[in-house]
C-alpha atoms as a PDB file:
ATOM      1  CA  MET A   1    -101.711 -93.464 125.543  1.00  0.00           C
ATOM      2  CA  SER A   2    -100.522 -93.551 121.963  1.00  0.00           C
ATOM      3  CA  MET A   3    -102.144 -91.646 119.121  1.00  0.00           C
ATOM      4  CA  THR A   4    -103.334 -94.922 117.567  1.00  0.00           C
ATOM      5  CA  SER A   5    -105.103 -96.056 120.719  1.00  0.00           C
ATOM      6  CA  VAL A   6    -106.788 -92.653 121.055  1.00  0.00           C
ATOM      7  CA  ASP A   7    -108.002 -92.821 117.446  1.00  0.00           C
ATOM      8  CA  CYS A   8    -109.093 -96.444 117.758  1.00  0.00           C
ATOM      9  CA  CYS A   9    -111.288 -96.133 120.835  1.00  0.00           C
ATOM     10  CA  GLY A  10    -111.633 -92.362 121.108  1.00  0.00           C
ATOM     11  CA  ASP A  11    -115.272 -91.924 120.169  1.00  0.00           C
ATOM     12  CA  SER A  12    -116.664 -94.770 122.284  1.00  0.00           C
ATOM     13  CA  LEU A  13    -114.453 -93.803 125.219  1.00  0.00           C
ATOM     14  CA  ILE A  14    -115.514 -90.178 125.027  1.00  0.00           C
ATOM     15  CA  ALA A  15    -119.178 -91.146 124.578  1.00  0.00           C
ATOM     16  CA  ASN A  16    -118.964 -93.188 127.785  1.00  0.00           C
ATOM     17  CA  LEU A  17    -117.300 -90.289 129.583  1.00  0.00           C
ATOM     18  CA  CYS A  18    -120.046 -87.931 128.337  1.00  0.00           C
ATOM     19  CA  ARG A  19    -122.730 -90.291 129.661  1.00  0.00           C
ATOM     20  CA  GLU A  20    -120.935 -90.489 132.985  1.00  0.00           C
ATOM     21  CA  ALA A  21    -120.574 -86.692 133.187  1.00  0.00           C
ATOM     22  CA  ASP A  22    -124.268 -86.254 132.440  1.00  0.00           C
ATOM     23  CA  GLY A  23    -125.184 -88.805 135.120  1.00  0.00           C
ATOM     24  CA  VAL A  24    -122.908 -87.131 137.651  1.00  0.00           C
ATOM     25  CA  ARG A  25    -124.471 -83.751 136.861  1.00  0.00           C
ATOM     26  CA  GLN A  26    -127.996 -85.157 137.257  1.00  0.00           C
ATOM     27  CA  ARG A  27    -127.152 -86.761 140.593  1.00  0.00           C
ATOM     28  CA  CYS A  28    -125.474 -83.578 141.780  1.00  0.00           C
ATOM     29  CA  ARG A  29    -128.627 -81.588 141.000  1.00  0.00           C
ATOM     30  CA  GLN A  30    -130.660 -84.147 142.994  1.00  0.00           C
ATOM     31  CA  VAL A  31    -128.273 -83.863 145.938  1.00  0.00           C
ATOM     32  CA  ILE A  32    -128.426 -80.056 145.840  1.00  0.00           C
ATOM     33  CA  ALA A  33    -132.236 -80.195 145.818  1.00  0.00           C
ATOM     34  CA  ALA A  34    -132.232 -82.626 148.742  1.00  0.00           C
ATOM     35  CA  LEU A  35    -129.870 -80.354 150.678  1.00  0.00           C
ATOM     36  CA  GLY A  36    -132.342 -77.535 150.247  1.00  0.00           C
ATOM     37  CA  SER A  37    -135.218 -79.543 151.641  1.00  0.00           C
ATOM     38  CA  THR A  38    -133.779 -81.316 154.687  1.00  0.00           C
ATOM     39  CA  GLN A  39    -132.900 -80.226 158.184  1.00  0.00           C
ATOM     40  CA  GLU A  40    -131.573 -83.582 159.400  1.00  0.00           C
ATOM     41  CA  GLN A  41    -127.912 -82.969 160.260  1.00  0.00           C
ATOM     42  CA  ARG A  42    -126.688 -86.498 159.520  1.00  0.00           C
ATOM     43  CA  LEU A  43    -128.371 -86.426 156.118  1.00  0.00           C
ATOM     44  CA  ILE A  44    -126.950 -82.972 155.391  1.00  0.00           C
ATOM     45  CA  LEU A  45    -123.423 -84.214 156.168  1.00  0.00           C
ATOM     46  CA  ARG A  46    -123.859 -87.275 153.942  1.00  0.00           C
ATOM     47  CA  LEU A  47    -125.273 -85.198 151.085  1.00  0.00           C
ATOM     48  CA  GLU A  48    -122.488 -82.622 151.378  1.00  0.00           C
ATOM     49  CA  ARG A  49    -119.880 -85.404 151.206  1.00  0.00           C
ATOM     50  CA  GLU A  50    -121.612 -86.891 148.186  1.00  0.00           C
ATOM     51  CA  ARG A  51    -121.802 -83.491 146.486  1.00  0.00           C
ATOM     52  CA  THR A  52    -118.081 -82.968 147.087  1.00  0.00           C
ATOM     53  CA  LEU A  53    -117.287 -86.368 145.563  1.00  0.00           C
ATOM     54  CA  LEU A  54    -119.527 -85.705 142.560  1.00  0.00           C
ATOM     55  CA  LEU A  55    -117.928 -82.328 141.904  1.00  0.00           C
ATOM     56  CA  GLN A  56    -114.490 -83.919 142.170  1.00  0.00           C
ATOM     57  CA  ARG A  57    -115.523 -86.599 139.657  1.00  0.00           C
ATOM     58  CA  LEU A  58    -116.651 -83.896 137.227  1.00  0.00           C
ATOM     59  CA  GLN A  59    -113.260 -82.228 137.637  1.00  0.00           C
ATOM     60  CA  ASP A  60    -111.530 -85.575 137.019  1.00  0.00           C
ATOM     61  CA  LEU A  61    -113.581 -86.110 133.849  1.00  0.00           C
ATOM     62  CA  ARG A  62    -112.697 -82.610 132.648  1.00  0.00           C
ATOM     63  CA  THR A  63    -109.015 -83.270 133.305  1.00  0.00           C
ATOM     64  CA  THR A  64    -109.268 -86.513 131.333  1.00  0.00           C
ATOM     65  CA  GLY A  65    -110.863 -84.600 128.456  1.00  0.00           C
ATOM     66  CA  LEU A  66    -108.070 -82.039 128.484  1.00  0.00           C
ATOM     67  CA  VAL A  67    -105.469 -84.812 128.408  1.00  0.00           C
ATOM     68  CA  LEU A  68    -107.231 -86.445 125.452  1.00  0.00           C
ATOM     69  CA  ARG A  69    -107.272 -83.110 123.646  1.00  0.00           C
ATOM     70  CA  ARG A  70    -103.526 -82.777 124.170  1.00  0.00           C
ATOM     71  CA  GLN A  71    -103.142 -86.347 122.861  1.00  0.00           C
ATOM     72  CA  GLY A  72    -104.568 -85.335 119.492  1.00  0.00           C
ATOM     73  CA  LEU A  73    -108.372 -85.287 119.620  1.00  0.00           C
ATOM     74  CA  ARG A  74    -108.567 -81.538 119.065  1.00  0.00           C
ATOM     75  CA  GLN A  75    -111.308 -81.707 116.411  1.00  0.00           C
ATOM     76  CA  SER A  76    -113.560 -84.184 118.228  1.00  0.00           C
ATOM     77  CA  ILE A  77    -117.120 -82.944 118.712  1.00  0.00           C
ATOM     78  CA  SER A  78    -117.616 -85.600 121.382  1.00  0.00           C
ATOM     79  CA  LEU A  79    -114.621 -84.281 123.276  1.00  0.00           C
ATOM     80  CA  ALA A  80    -115.948 -80.731 123.025  1.00  0.00           C
ATOM     81  CA  LEU A  81    -119.250 -81.973 124.485  1.00  0.00           C
ATOM     82  CA  LEU A  82    -117.448 -83.724 127.344  1.00  0.00           C
ATOM     83  CA  LEU A  83    -115.524 -80.575 128.213  1.00  0.00           C
ATOM     84  CA  GLU A  84    -118.710 -78.507 128.020  1.00  0.00           C
ATOM     85  CA  LEU A  85    -120.628 -80.907 130.285  1.00  0.00           C
ATOM     86  CA  CYS A  86    -117.852 -80.851 132.851  1.00  0.00           C
ATOM     87  CA  SER A  87    -117.502 -77.068 132.768  1.00  0.00           C
ATOM     88  CA  ARG A  88    -121.149 -75.982 132.944  1.00  0.00           C
ATOM     89  CA  PRO A  89    -122.215 -74.592 136.282  1.00  0.00           C
ATOM     90  CA  LEU A  90    -124.786 -76.575 138.229  1.00  0.00           C
ATOM     91  CA  CYS A  91    -128.026 -74.828 139.156  1.00  0.00           C
ATOM     92  CA  THR A  92    -128.196 -74.340 142.892  1.00  0.00           C
END
C-alpha cells in the first residue's frame, strides 16, 4: 500500500475497521454471556469456537492497524481508536 493510497482512503478505511472492531467486541461479550448461562454441550462448543474466531478477528484488526501506522498514519486519531478498541480487554 503506497503512502498516497493510505492518505486517500485512510480515514474511511479506519472508520470502517473501528466499526467492525466495535461490532466484534459487542458480539464477543454476548457470546461470553451466553457461555455463562448455558449447560448444553453442543452450544458451549459452538460458542467457544465463535469466541475464538472473534478474538482472532480482533487480533487481525489490531495487526492491520499496526501496519497502517507503520505505513505513515502515526498521527491519526481514528487509528489510535482502532488500536485501543482491539487492545481493550473484554469483560468476562
